[in-house]
Amino acid sequence: MTTVRRTGAAACLLLALLTLLTVVVAVRHGAPLPGDRALHRWPLDHRPPVAVATARAITATGTGVVPYVLVVVAGLIAGRGGKGRRYAVAGALTVLALGQAVRYALMATVSRPRPAAVDWATTASGFSFPSGHTATSALTAGLLAWAVLTRSTSSAARPTIAVLSLWAVAVGLSRVYLGVHWASDVLGGWLFASLWLCLAALATARGARIVGGRPVDPSPGPPGAPLPNGPRDGAPRDQLP
């Protein structure tokens, strides 16, 4: 199975899971799903000041200007030469911005209320599903992982990708710990971000592109896949989001 086919299969699976979760949340009119209440209650009894401060610091990195700055950094890392960097930055920002727009539309459509405000340990606004901080940090981590893979071998990139993954997971878990999201909101955010990254990879898997001022062979597949006529066997890949 080719890389594009594997990415397409993953996108189909993620779409099915996200659709199922969204439908279940909608038909229950936003009521907590099984397990949501238990995972919401536990942090209420385990909130020492240091843990709360740490969770707030982590959760702050999943919104505002931080993700956009990191995505710009991802583009600068991935691109080669002035033209390649501009192209990569524009592409990465487009993936994030369009993802945010679609997520906002989904949130408005489902209109799930958040847990009771009395349980919050930080500020929050808007609807609850899918979690915005969770989706944004996961999208940002995915784009940074793509950038790292364009500049190093797969094996060399693994530690960095592991750290990026842990950061995205930590942001999602912090939303539950701080009481502003149900666990199913966070799960929805991870599913949405993973699906959007797969769709972005598929959207750029066809047609020649320019990276660093030179044409790149069509159909390179999603981030991390070897180019058909490019470096192989773990060598760095040039591929736009």
Protein backbone atom coordinates (compact mmCIF):
# COMPACT_ATOMS: atom_id res chain seq x y z
CA MET A 1 0.00 0.00 0.00
CA THR A 2 1.39 3.40 -0.97
CA THR A 3 1.86 6.21 1.51
CA VAL A 4 -1.00 8.16 -0.02
CA ARG A 5 -3.31 5.17 0.30
CA ARG A 6 -2.30 4.65 3.93
CA THR A 7 -2.92 8.31 4.68
CA GLY A 8 -6.29 8.12 2.94
CA ALA A 9 -7.25 5.04 4.94
CA ALA A 10 -6.22 6.78 8.16
CA ALA A 11 -8.27 9.84 7.20
CA CYS A 12 -11.34 7.67 6.55
CA LEU A 13 -10.97 5.97 9.93
CA LEU A 14 -10.48 9.27 11.75
CA LEU A 15 -13.44 10.82 9.96
CA ALA A 16 -15.64 7.88 10.96
CA LEU A 17 -14.54 8.09 14.61
CA LEU A 18 -14.95 11.88 14.79
CA THR A 19 -18.36 11.68 13.11
CA LEU A 20 -19.50 8.97 15.53
CA LEU A 21 -18.33 10.93 18.56
CA THR A 22 -19.90 14.13 17.27
CA VAL A 23 -23.24 12.44 16.62
CA VAL A 24 -23.25 10.85 20.08
CA VAL A 25 -22.51 14.21 21.72
CA ALA A 26 -25.19 15.93 19.63
CA VAL A 27 -27.96 13.40 20.24
CA ARG A 28 -27.28 13.60 23.97
CA HIS A 29 -27.64 17.40 23.71
CA GLY A 30 -24.15 17.89 25.11
CA ALA A 31 -24.67 15.79 28.23
CA PRO A 32 -21.51 14.13 29.58
CA LEU A 33 -20.65 10.80 28.02
CA PRO A 34 -19.91 7.70 30.10
CA GLY A 35 -16.66 8.32 31.92
CA ASP A 36 -16.78 12.09 31.52
CA ARG A 37 -18.13 12.77 35.00
CA ALA A 38 -15.62 10.48 36.73
CA LEU A 39 -12.68 12.04 34.89
CA HIS A 40 -14.06 15.48 35.71
CA ARG A 41 -14.54 14.77 39.43
CA TRP A 42 -11.07 13.36 40.10
CA PRO A 43 -9.14 16.62 39.50
CA LEU A 44 -11.53 18.50 41.80
CA ASP A 45 -10.06 16.58 44.74
CA HIS A 46 -6.46 16.69 43.50
CA ARG A 47 -5.59 20.34 42.85
CA PRO A 48 -2.58 21.47 44.89
CA PRO A 49 -1.51 25.02 44.00
CA VAL A 50 1.68 23.88 42.23
CA ALA A 51 -0.24 21.46 40.01
CA VAL A 52 -2.82 24.09 39.12
CA ALA A 53 -0.13 26.63 38.25
CA THR A 54 1.66 24.05 36.10
CA ALA A 55 -1.55 23.09 34.30
CA ARG A 56 -2.35 26.74 33.63
CA ALA A 57 1.12 27.32 32.20
CA ILE A 58 0.80 24.29 29.93
CA THR A 59 -2.71 25.12 28.79
CA ALA A 60 -1.67 28.69 27.91
CA THR A 61 0.65 27.35 25.20
CA GLY A 62 -2.28 25.85 23.32
CA THR A 63 -3.93 29.11 22.33
CA GLY A 64 -3.27 32.71 21.33
CA VAL A 65 -0.10 33.74 19.54
CA VAL A 66 2.09 30.81 20.66
CA PRO A 67 0.78 28.20 18.16
CA TYR A 68 1.03 30.64 15.26
CA VAL A 69 4.61 31.59 16.14
CA LEU A 70 5.52 27.91 16.36
CA VAL A 71 3.92 27.22 12.98
CA VAL A 72 5.92 30.06 11.44
CA VAL A 73 9.03 28.48 12.95
CA ALA A 74 7.98 25.16 11.41
CA GLY A 75 7.79 26.78 7.98
CA LEU A 76 11.16 28.46 8.39
CA ILE A 77 12.72 25.15 9.37
CA ALA A 78 11.16 23.23 6.50
CA GLY A 79 11.74 25.70 3.68
CA ARG A 80 15.01 26.06 1.79
CA GLY A 81 16.04 29.48 0.57
CA GLY A 82 13.92 32.60 0.69
CA LYS A 83 11.23 31.39 -1.69
CA GLY A 84 11.01 27.97 -0.12
CA ARG A 85 10.68 29.42 3.39
CA ARG A 86 7.96 31.85 2.34
CA TYR A 87 6.07 29.03 0.65
CA ALA A 88 6.44 26.72 3.63
CA VAL A 89 5.40 29.36 6.16
CA ALA A 90 2.35 30.29 4.08
CA GLY A 91 1.39 26.66 3.67
CA ALA A 92 1.75 25.83 7.37
CA LEU A 93 -0.20 28.93 8.44
CA THR A 94 -2.94 28.05 5.95
CA VAL A 95 -3.27 24.55 7.37
CA LEU A 96 -3.60 25.93 10.90
CA ALA A 97 -5.92 28.83 10.02
CA LEU A 98 -8.29 26.74 7.91
CA GLY A 99 -8.31 24.07 10.59
CA GLN A 100 -9.32 26.67 13.14
CA ALA A 101 -12.12 27.93 10.93
CA VAL A 102 -13.54 24.44 10.44
CA ARG A 103 -13.22 23.70 14.16
CA TYR A 104 -15.11 26.86 15.09
CA ALA A 105 -17.87 25.87 12.68
CA LEU A 106 -18.08 22.42 14.25
CA MET A 107 -18.17 23.90 17.75
CA ALA A 108 -20.98 26.27 16.79
CA THR A 109 -22.93 23.45 15.17
CA VAL A 110 -22.71 21.08 18.14
CA SER A 111 -23.01 23.91 20.72
CA ARG A 112 -22.04 21.71 23.63
CA PRO A 113 -21.96 23.51 26.99
CA ARG A 114 -18.90 23.33 29.18
CA PRO A 115 -18.82 21.75 32.64
CA ALA A 116 -20.21 23.93 35.44
CA ALA A 117 -18.15 27.10 35.84
CA VAL A 118 -17.89 26.54 39.60
CA ASP A 119 -15.46 23.69 38.84
CA TRP A 120 -13.16 25.74 36.62
CA ALA A 121 -9.60 26.46 37.75
CA THR A 122 -8.97 28.83 34.84
CA THR A 123 -10.91 31.05 32.48
CA ALA A 124 -12.70 29.71 29.41
CA SER A 125 -15.19 30.86 26.81
CA GLY A 126 -17.23 29.50 23.95
CA PHE A 127 -18.61 26.03 23.40
CA SER A 128 -16.91 22.87 24.55
CA PHE A 129 -16.72 20.33 21.70
CA PRO A 130 -14.16 19.78 20.30
CA SER A 131 -11.58 21.29 22.64
CA GLY A 132 -9.91 24.24 20.93
CA HIS A 133 -6.68 24.20 22.95
CA THR A 134 -6.35 20.47 22.33
CA ALA A 135 -6.92 20.69 18.58
CA THR A 136 -4.69 23.75 18.15
CA SER A 137 -1.74 22.26 20.04
CA ALA A 138 -2.06 18.94 18.20
CA LEU A 139 -2.14 20.70 14.81
CA THR A 140 0.89 22.77 15.78
CA ALA A 141 2.77 19.71 17.01
CA GLY A 142 1.99 17.91 13.75
CA LEU A 143 3.30 20.78 11.63
CA LEU A 144 6.45 21.03 13.73
CA ALA A 145 6.97 17.29 13.36
CA TRP A 146 6.66 17.66 9.59
CA ALA A 147 9.26 20.44 9.66
CA VAL A 148 11.69 18.37 11.70
CA LEU A 149 11.29 15.42 9.35
CA THR A 150 12.26 17.58 6.37
CA ARG A 151 15.60 18.38 8.01
CA SER A 152 16.62 15.10 9.63
CA THR A 153 16.30 11.36 9.33
CA SER A 154 13.30 9.60 10.84
CA SER A 155 15.39 8.04 13.59
CA ALA A 156 17.04 11.34 14.50
CA ALA A 157 13.67 13.09 14.58
CA ARG A 158 12.01 10.62 16.94
CA PRO A 159 13.05 12.30 20.23
CA THR A 160 11.79 15.68 19.02
CA ILE A 161 8.55 14.19 17.75
CA ALA A 162 8.09 12.42 21.09
CA VAL A 163 8.47 15.73 22.93
CA LEU A 164 6.00 17.42 20.58
CA SER A 165 3.51 14.60 21.10
CA LEU A 166 3.87 14.83 24.89
CA TRP A 167 3.26 18.57 24.71
CA ALA A 168 0.07 18.14 22.69
CA VAL A 169 -1.16 15.43 25.07
CA ALA A 170 -0.30 17.57 28.10
CA VAL A 171 -2.29 20.53 26.76
CA GLY A 172 -5.32 18.30 26.22
CA LEU A 173 -5.10 16.73 29.66
CA SER A 174 -4.68 20.15 31.26
CA ARG A 175 -8.10 21.15 29.93
CA VAL A 176 -9.72 18.28 31.81
CA TYR A 177 -7.62 18.86 34.91
CA LEU A 178 -8.61 22.53 35.02
CA GLY A 179 -12.27 21.57 34.73
CA VAL A 180 -13.10 23.52 31.56
CA HIS A 181 -13.65 20.52 29.26
CA TRP A 182 -15.07 17.04 29.38
CA ALA A 183 -12.67 14.26 28.46
CA SER A 184 -14.73 13.57 25.33
CA ASP A 185 -14.12 17.18 24.22
CA VAL A 186 -10.38 16.53 24.38
CA LEU A 187 -10.75 13.25 22.50
CA GLY A 188 -12.70 15.14 19.85
CA GLY A 189 -9.91 17.70 19.60
CA TRP A 190 -7.28 15.02 19.03
CA LEU A 191 -9.41 13.26 16.43
CA PHE A 192 -10.10 16.52 14.62
CA ALA A 193 -6.45 17.57 14.53
CA SER A 194 -5.28 14.15 13.34
CA LEU A 195 -7.92 14.13 10.61
CA TRP A 196 -7.05 17.66 9.49
CA LEU A 197 -3.35 16.83 9.25
CA CYS A 198 -4.15 13.77 7.15
CA LEU A 199 -6.35 15.84 4.85
CA ALA A 200 -3.61 18.46 4.52
CA ALA A 201 -1.13 15.75 3.59
CA LEU A 202 -3.52 14.34 0.98
CA ALA A 203 -4.25 17.80 -0.43
CA THR A 204 -0.55 18.39 -1.06
CA ALA A 205 0.27 14.88 -2.25
CA ARG A 206 -0.53 15.71 -5.88
CA GLY A 207 1.16 18.17 -8.23
CA ALA A 208 4.68 19.46 -8.37
CA ARG A 209 5.71 21.94 -5.71
CA ILE A 210 8.70 24.18 -5.19
CA VAL A 211 10.81 23.81 -2.05
CA GLY A 212 13.86 25.98 -1.79
CA GLY A 213 13.59 27.03 -5.43
CA ARG A 214 13.63 23.54 -6.97
CA PRO A 215 10.73 21.36 -8.20
CA VAL A 216 9.73 18.44 -6.06
CA ASP A 217 8.45 15.21 -7.52
CA PRO A 218 4.65 14.85 -7.37
CA SER A 219 2.92 12.48 -4.95
CA PRO A 220 5.34 12.56 -2.03
CA GLY A 221 2.60 11.61 0.39
CA PRO A 222 2.01 12.94 3.90
CA PRO A 223 4.68 14.44 6.14
CA GLY A 224 7.40 11.93 6.88
CA ALA A 225 7.02 9.87 3.71
CA PRO A 226 9.99 9.37 1.36
CA LEU A 227 9.84 11.14 -1.99
CA PRO A 228 9.42 8.86 -5.02
CA ASN A 229 12.54 10.33 -6.69
CA GLY A 230 14.12 11.91 -3.66
CA PRO A 231 16.05 10.84 -0.55
CA ARG A 232 15.21 7.41 0.77
CA ASP A 233 16.08 5.11 3.62
CA GLY A 234 15.55 7.63 6.39
CA ALA A 235 17.12 10.61 4.62
CA PRO A 236 15.55 14.07 5.19
CA ARG A 237 12.46 14.82 3.10
CA ASP A 238 11.39 18.13 1.52
CA GLN A 239 7.63 18.30 1.71
CA LEU A 240 5.16 21.06 2.32
CA PRO A 241 2.13 20.81 4.58
